[in-house]
Structure formats: structure tokens, C-alpha cells
Amino acid sequence: MIWTYVTPILLLCVSNVFMTFAWYGQLKFSTAPIALLIPVCWSIALLEYCFAVPANHLGARVYSGAQLKTMQEIITLVVFAIFSVTYLGEALRWNHAVAFLFLCGAAFFSFHKWA
């Protein structure tokens, strides 16, 4: 039953790709009118919801809400780091690595079974 645990993670990854493009993809189109950007971005966000809702719905069967949220934040950071380097052409710096390590620490505390 490994798919029970893996499917929500995969769906969250796909969801975050759409979310990142919906929120930040328009930054490359600085001269585009807002009246055009809003419906385009909302359309992409709708696709994001089509993956996020099932991810959380299925994920709640095997993960707690805190665990799902922690995973989502880590996935968001990884997806955004790749996006910012490849799509926006921005550099990653040491403080981004520190932020990622703190989120990994949050994941540890979220998933560890304490007495």
C-alpha cells in the first residue's frame, strides 16, 4: 500500500507546479494588462486546485493535517527554487538554503512520534 502514502505527495508536487506558474509566471509579462493576467492566472490556479484537493483528501487518510501542510511547504519551496532559477533566471543564495533546512527541521518535528 505504498501508493497510499506516495499519491498525495505526487499530487502535491503537480499542484505546486501549477500554483507557482499561476502566482509567479506572470512576472515575465510585465507589460501585459492586469485584466488579461487575472483570468489567465485564475485558470492555471483552477488546475492547481484539481490536484491539491485530491492530494489533501487522500492524504488525510494517512497523514495528519500538520504533516500535509509541512509537506506542502517543503514541496512549494523546492518547486519555487527550481522555477526561480530556470524560469525567472534568479540565483539561489545561502539564505535560501537556510530556509530550506528550517523547513526540513519542521518536517522532522511534524513526522516524529513524540511520547
Protein backbone atom coordinates (compact mmCIF):
# COMPACT_ATOMS: atom_id res chain seq x y z
CA MET A 1 0.00 0.00 0.00
CA ILE A 2 2.90 2.35 -0.68
CA TRP A 3 0.75 4.26 -3.19
CA THR A 4 -1.49 5.35 -0.33
CA TYR A 5 1.46 7.35 1.02
CA VAL A 6 3.06 8.36 -2.28
CA THR A 7 -0.02 9.51 -4.25
CA PRO A 8 -0.71 12.59 -2.07
CA ILE A 9 2.93 13.65 -2.37
CA LEU A 10 2.91 13.31 -6.16
CA LEU A 11 -0.36 15.23 -6.41
CA LEU A 12 1.05 17.98 -4.18
CA CYS A 13 4.09 18.23 -6.46
CA VAL A 14 1.94 18.66 -9.57
CA SER A 15 -0.32 21.08 -7.72
CA ASN A 16 2.64 23.22 -6.70
CA VAL A 17 3.95 23.46 -10.25
CA PHE A 18 0.60 24.90 -11.35
CA MET A 19 0.41 27.12 -8.26
CA THR A 20 3.85 28.56 -8.89
CA PHE A 21 3.02 29.38 -12.51
CA ALA A 22 -0.35 30.83 -11.51
CA TRP A 23 1.18 33.14 -8.92
CA TYR A 24 4.59 33.96 -10.37
CA GLY A 25 4.59 33.00 -14.06
CA GLN A 26 3.11 36.36 -14.99
CA LEU A 27 6.22 38.16 -13.70
CA LYS A 28 7.81 37.64 -17.11
CA PHE A 29 4.94 39.59 -18.70
CA SER A 30 5.33 42.94 -17.01
CA THR A 31 3.63 44.83 -19.86
CA ALA A 32 0.58 42.54 -20.05
CA PRO A 33 -2.64 44.15 -18.83
CA ILE A 34 -3.87 43.06 -15.42
CA ALA A 35 -7.31 42.42 -16.94
CA LEU A 36 -5.70 39.66 -19.02
CA LEU A 37 -3.36 38.32 -16.34
CA ILE A 38 -6.08 37.76 -13.75
CA PRO A 39 -8.26 35.34 -15.76
CA VAL A 40 -5.21 33.52 -17.15
CA CYS A 41 -3.72 33.09 -13.68
CA TRP A 42 -7.07 32.03 -12.22
CA SER A 43 -7.38 29.41 -14.96
CA ILE A 44 -3.99 28.00 -14.00
CA ALA A 45 -4.96 28.14 -10.33
CA LEU A 46 -8.07 26.09 -11.10
CA LEU A 47 -5.79 23.34 -12.40
CA GLU A 48 -3.78 23.65 -9.19
CA TYR A 49 -6.92 23.06 -7.13
CA CYS A 50 -7.78 20.00 -9.24
CA PHE A 51 -4.61 18.39 -7.87
CA ALA A 52 -4.42 19.98 -4.40
CA VAL A 53 -7.91 18.98 -3.28
CA PRO A 54 -7.47 15.25 -4.06
CA ALA A 55 -3.95 15.37 -2.60
CA ASN A 56 -5.25 16.60 0.72
CA HIS A 57 -8.39 14.47 0.62
CA LEU A 58 -6.42 11.27 0.00
CA GLY A 59 -3.52 12.39 2.16
CA ALA A 60 -5.74 12.89 5.20
CA ARG A 61 -6.24 9.11 5.25
CA VAL A 62 -2.59 8.51 6.11
CA TYR A 63 -1.17 11.89 7.23
CA SER A 64 -2.28 14.45 9.78
CA GLY A 65 -3.21 17.95 8.69
CA ALA A 66 0.06 19.27 10.10
CA GLN A 67 2.03 16.67 8.17
CA LEU A 68 0.23 17.50 4.92
CA LYS A 69 0.85 21.22 5.40
CA THR A 70 4.51 20.67 6.22
CA MET A 71 4.97 18.52 3.11
CA GLN A 72 3.19 21.13 1.01
CA GLU A 73 5.50 23.88 2.26
CA ILE A 74 8.64 21.87 1.55
CA ILE A 75 7.38 20.92 -1.91
CA THR A 76 6.49 24.57 -2.56
CA LEU A 77 10.00 25.70 -1.66
CA VAL A 78 11.66 23.06 -3.86
CA VAL A 79 9.35 23.79 -6.81
CA PHE A 80 9.81 27.54 -6.41
CA ALA A 81 13.60 27.22 -6.17
CA ILE A 82 13.67 25.32 -9.46
CA PHE A 83 11.19 27.76 -11.01
CA SER A 84 13.08 30.87 -9.91
CA VAL A 85 16.36 29.58 -11.33
CA THR A 86 15.06 28.09 -14.59
CA TYR A 87 12.11 30.37 -15.45
CA LEU A 88 12.87 33.67 -13.75
CA GLY A 89 16.65 33.41 -14.05
CA GLU A 90 17.24 34.27 -10.40
CA ALA A 91 20.12 32.90 -8.34
CA LEU A 92 19.74 30.85 -5.19
CA ARG A 93 21.68 32.17 -2.20
CA TRP A 94 22.81 30.84 1.14
CA ASN A 95 19.76 32.20 2.95
CA HIS A 96 17.51 30.14 0.68
CA ALA A 97 19.42 27.02 1.76
CA VAL A 98 18.99 28.00 5.42
CA ALA A 99 15.24 28.47 4.91
CA PHE A 100 15.03 25.03 3.30
CA LEU A 101 16.91 23.46 6.23
CA PHE A 102 14.48 25.05 8.69
CA LEU A 103 11.56 23.60 6.74
CA CYS A 104 13.22 20.19 6.80
CA GLY A 105 13.50 20.61 10.56
CA ALA A 106 9.78 21.38 10.67
CA ALA A 107 9.12 18.20 8.71
CA PHE A 108 11.19 16.21 11.21
CA PHE A 109 9.21 17.56 14.15
CA SER A 110 5.92 17.11 12.29
CA PHE A 111 6.53 13.47 11.40
CA HIS A 112 8.39 12.29 14.52
CA LYS A 113 6.25 10.41 17.01
CA TRP A 114 6.82 12.02 20.40
CA ALA A 115 5.91 10.24 23.63
